[in-house]
């Protein structure tokens, strides 16, 4: 299964964007879907994740601003972002991990696809 992120773009600070992650096939509910981001010159970092039982996890930096959701019928996963800040500028990626192995270390996640660029202007 390949995961492809889309929906990025240029937005002003305070604005909103909705990212989508499309799976090429069915993702079993035993997998947790996550979003990571990689800013220029920085390591890829965890942003948010959602399990098959709809438990959600967020990095402190995006809590209360970002909302992750999943639609297993359409094999689509979303990251709604509001109150965007310039420091949210990054390439955003989606990936998956077996839920029993859940952690925020990017090395344990897989099925990375191409990311989508989010640029927040001040």
C-alpha atoms as a PDB file:
ATOM      1  CA  UNK A   1       0.000   0.000   0.000  1.00  0.00           C
ATOM      2  CA  UNK A   2       1.335   3.400  -0.966  1.00  0.00           C
ATOM      3  CA  UNK A   3       0.332   6.584   0.801  1.00  0.00           C
ATOM      4  CA  UNK A   4       0.247   9.892  -1.061  1.00  0.00           C
ATOM      5  CA  UNK A   5      -0.118  13.244   0.633  1.00  0.00           C
ATOM      6  CA  UNK A   6      -1.738  16.220  -1.076  1.00  0.00           C
ATOM      7  CA  UNK A   7      -3.437  19.503  -0.331  1.00  0.00           C
ATOM      8  CA  UNK A   8      -0.477  21.673   0.535  1.00  0.00           C
ATOM      9  CA  UNK A   9      -0.072  25.231  -0.624  1.00  0.00           C
ATOM     10  CA  UNK A  10       0.719  28.785   0.314  1.00  0.00           C
ATOM     11  CA  UNK A  11      -1.352  30.349   3.070  1.00  0.00           C
ATOM     12  CA  UNK A  12      -1.047  33.405   5.256  1.00  0.00           C
ATOM     13  CA  UNK A  13      -0.445  33.123   8.969  1.00  0.00           C
ATOM     14  CA  UNK A  14      -3.721  32.451  10.731  1.00  0.00           C
ATOM     15  CA  UNK A  15      -5.112  30.640   7.738  1.00  0.00           C
ATOM     16  CA  UNK A  16      -6.231  27.054   7.278  1.00  0.00           C
ATOM     17  CA  UNK A  17      -5.457  24.092   5.072  1.00  0.00           C
ATOM     18  CA  UNK A  18      -6.711  20.535   4.842  1.00  0.00           C
ATOM     19  CA  UNK A  19      -4.201  17.881   3.861  1.00  0.00           C
ATOM     20  CA  UNK A  20      -5.260  14.566   2.431  1.00  0.00           C
ATOM     21  CA  UNK A  21      -3.488  11.210   2.446  1.00  0.00           C
ATOM     22  CA  UNK A  22      -4.731   8.726  -0.127  1.00  0.00           C
ATOM     23  CA  UNK A  23      -3.947   5.039   0.183  1.00  0.00           C
ATOM     24  CA  UNK A  24      -3.540   2.926  -2.946  1.00  0.00           C
ATOM     25  CA  UNK A  25      -5.357   0.108  -1.205  1.00  0.00           C
ATOM     26  CA  UNK A  26      -7.134  -0.813   1.957  1.00  0.00           C
ATOM     27  CA  UNK A  27      -5.287  -0.006   5.158  1.00  0.00           C
ATOM     28  CA  UNK A  28      -6.263  -2.474   7.856  1.00  0.00           C
ATOM     29  CA  UNK A  29      -7.695  -0.920  10.987  1.00  0.00           C
ATOM     30  CA  UNK A  30      -4.845  -2.526  12.866  1.00  0.00           C
ATOM     31  CA  UNK A  31      -2.630   0.238  11.493  1.00  0.00           C
ATOM     32  CA  UNK A  32      -2.177   3.727  12.849  1.00  0.00           C
ATOM     33  CA  UNK A  33      -1.867   6.502  10.268  1.00  0.00           C
ATOM     34  CA  UNK A  34       0.404   9.384  11.044  1.00  0.00           C
ATOM     35  CA  UNK A  35       1.472  12.749   9.704  1.00  0.00           C
ATOM     36  CA  UNK A  36       5.047  13.980   9.923  1.00  0.00           C
ATOM     37  CA  UNK A  37       6.674  17.127   8.628  1.00  0.00           C
ATOM     38  CA  UNK A  38      10.127  18.151   7.566  1.00  0.00           C
ATOM     39  CA  UNK A  39      11.094  21.800   7.635  1.00  0.00           C
ATOM     40  CA  UNK A  40      14.134  23.051   5.699  1.00  0.00           C
ATOM     41  CA  UNK A  41      17.306  22.062   7.510  1.00  0.00           C
ATOM     42  CA  UNK A  42      15.458  20.136  10.209  1.00  0.00           C
ATOM     43  CA  UNK A  43      14.725  16.528  11.016  1.00  0.00           C
ATOM     44  CA  UNK A  44      11.422  14.996  10.064  1.00  0.00           C
ATOM     45  CA  UNK A  45       9.163  15.274  13.094  1.00  0.00           C
ATOM     46  CA  UNK A  46       5.948  13.731  14.292  1.00  0.00           C
ATOM     47  CA  UNK A  47       2.811  15.844  13.935  1.00  0.00           C
ATOM     48  CA  UNK A  48      -0.254  13.692  14.572  1.00  0.00           C
ATOM     49  CA  UNK A  49      -1.564  10.144  14.396  1.00  0.00           C
ATOM     50  CA  UNK A  50      -4.834   8.252  14.492  1.00  0.00           C
ATOM     51  CA  UNK A  51      -5.379   4.595  15.264  1.00  0.00           C
ATOM     52  CA  UNK A  52      -7.980   2.277  13.791  1.00  0.00           C
ATOM     53  CA  UNK A  53     -10.013   2.726  16.971  1.00  0.00           C
ATOM     54  CA  UNK A  54      -9.836   6.517  16.436  1.00  0.00           C
ATOM     55  CA  UNK A  55      -7.440   7.266  19.258  1.00  0.00           C
ATOM     56  CA  UNK A  56      -5.606  10.446  18.319  1.00  0.00           C
ATOM     57  CA  UNK A  57      -2.175  11.744  19.210  1.00  0.00           C
ATOM     58  CA  UNK A  58      -0.677  15.183  18.600  1.00  0.00           C
ATOM     59  CA  UNK A  59       2.643  16.905  18.965  1.00  0.00           C
ATOM     60  CA  UNK A  60       2.448  19.667  21.567  1.00  0.00           C
ATOM     61  CA  UNK A  61       3.249  22.252  18.902  1.00  0.00           C
ATOM     62  CA  UNK A  62       0.059  21.524  16.956  1.00  0.00           C
ATOM     63  CA  UNK A  63      -2.344  20.483  19.693  1.00  0.00           C
ATOM     64  CA  UNK A  64      -5.621  22.429  19.554  1.00  0.00           C
ATOM     65  CA  UNK A  65      -4.809  23.674  16.029  1.00  0.00           C
ATOM     66  CA  UNK A  66      -4.598  20.478  13.985  1.00  0.00           C
ATOM     67  CA  UNK A  67      -7.169  17.696  13.754  1.00  0.00           C
ATOM     68  CA  UNK A  68      -6.469  14.280  12.285  1.00  0.00           C
ATOM     69  CA  UNK A  69      -9.195  12.024  10.932  1.00  0.00           C
ATOM     70  CA  UNK A  70      -9.551   8.859   8.900  1.00  0.00           C
ATOM     71  CA  UNK A  71     -12.082   7.402   6.479  1.00  0.00           C
ATOM     72  CA  UNK A  72     -11.353   3.718   6.113  1.00  0.00           C
ATOM     73  CA  UNK A  73     -14.214   3.286   3.640  1.00  0.00           C
ATOM     74  CA  UNK A  74     -12.528   5.576   1.130  1.00  0.00           C
ATOM     75  CA  UNK A  75      -8.971   4.765   2.271  1.00  0.00           C
ATOM     76  CA  UNK A  76      -8.393   8.454   2.940  1.00  0.00           C
ATOM     77  CA  UNK A  77      -6.874  10.266   5.872  1.00  0.00           C
ATOM     78  CA  UNK A  78      -6.914  13.937   6.653  1.00  0.00           C
ATOM     79  CA  UNK A  79      -5.121  16.623   8.613  1.00  0.00           C
ATOM     80  CA  UNK A  80      -7.143  19.761   9.176  1.00  0.00           C
ATOM     81  CA  UNK A  81      -4.887  22.647  10.092  1.00  0.00           C
ATOM     82  CA  UNK A  82      -6.100  25.973  11.453  1.00  0.00           C
ATOM     83  CA  UNK A  83      -4.387  29.017  12.925  1.00  0.00           C
ATOM     84  CA  UNK A  84      -1.329  28.240  10.863  1.00  0.00           C
ATOM     85  CA  UNK A  85       1.978  29.789  11.834  1.00  0.00           C
ATOM     86  CA  UNK A  86       5.127  30.429   9.791  1.00  0.00           C
ATOM     87  CA  UNK A  87       6.841  27.715  11.824  1.00  0.00           C
ATOM     88  CA  UNK A  88       4.366  25.197  10.397  1.00  0.00           C
ATOM     89  CA  UNK A  89       6.086  25.627   7.025  1.00  0.00           C
ATOM     90  CA  UNK A  90       7.350  22.203   5.966  1.00  0.00           C
ATOM     91  CA  UNK A  91       6.844  19.273   3.649  1.00  0.00           C
ATOM     92  CA  UNK A  92       4.149  17.096   5.205  1.00  0.00           C
ATOM     93  CA  UNK A  93       4.181  13.318   4.833  1.00  0.00           C
ATOM     94  CA  UNK A  94       1.821  10.539   5.813  1.00  0.00           C
ATOM     95  CA  UNK A  95       2.888   7.056   6.830  1.00  0.00           C
ATOM     96  CA  UNK A  96       1.611   4.085   8.763  1.00  0.00           C
ATOM     97  CA  UNK A  97       2.670   1.809  11.591  1.00  0.00           C
ATOM     98  CA  UNK A  98       1.087  -1.269  13.136  1.00  0.00           C
ATOM     99  CA  UNK A  99      -0.878   0.046  16.076  1.00  0.00           C
ATOM    100  CA  UNK A 100       0.696  -2.406  18.510  1.00  0.00           C
ATOM    101  CA  UNK A 101       4.072  -0.857  17.646  1.00  0.00           C
ATOM    102  CA  UNK A 102       2.937   2.744  17.835  1.00  0.00           C
ATOM    103  CA  UNK A 103       5.570   5.322  18.693  1.00  0.00           C
ATOM    104  CA  UNK A 104       6.557   8.682  17.240  1.00  0.00           C
ATOM    105  CA  UNK A 105      10.019   7.653  16.021  1.00  0.00           C
ATOM    106  CA  UNK A 106       9.930   8.112  12.251  1.00  0.00           C
ATOM    107  CA  UNK A 107      12.318   5.186  11.765  1.00  0.00           C
ATOM    108  CA  UNK A 108       9.570   2.767  12.728  1.00  0.00           C
ATOM    109  CA  UNK A 109       7.014   4.111  10.273  1.00  0.00           C
ATOM    110  CA  UNK A 110       6.714   2.979   6.694  1.00  0.00           C
ATOM    111  CA  UNK A 111       4.884   3.325   3.366  1.00  0.00           C
ATOM    112  CA  UNK A 112       6.062   6.897   3.072  1.00  0.00           C
ATOM    113  CA  UNK A 113       4.908   8.587  -0.073  1.00  0.00           C
ATOM    114  CA  UNK A 114       5.808  11.915  -1.585  1.00  0.00           C
ATOM    115  CA  UNK A 115       5.019  14.773   0.718  1.00  0.00           C
ATOM    116  CA  UNK A 116       3.096  17.946   0.153  1.00  0.00           C
ATOM    117  CA  UNK A 117       4.564  21.380   0.769  1.00  0.00           C
ATOM    118  CA  UNK A 118       2.864  23.760   3.175  1.00  0.00           C
ATOM    119  CA  UNK A 119       4.161  27.317   3.205  1.00  0.00           C
ATOM    120  CA  UNK A 120       2.843  29.777   5.765  1.00  0.00           C
ATOM    121  CA  UNK A 121       3.722  33.402   5.131  1.00  0.00           C
ATOM    122  CA  UNK A 122       3.920  35.973   7.919  1.00  0.00           C
END
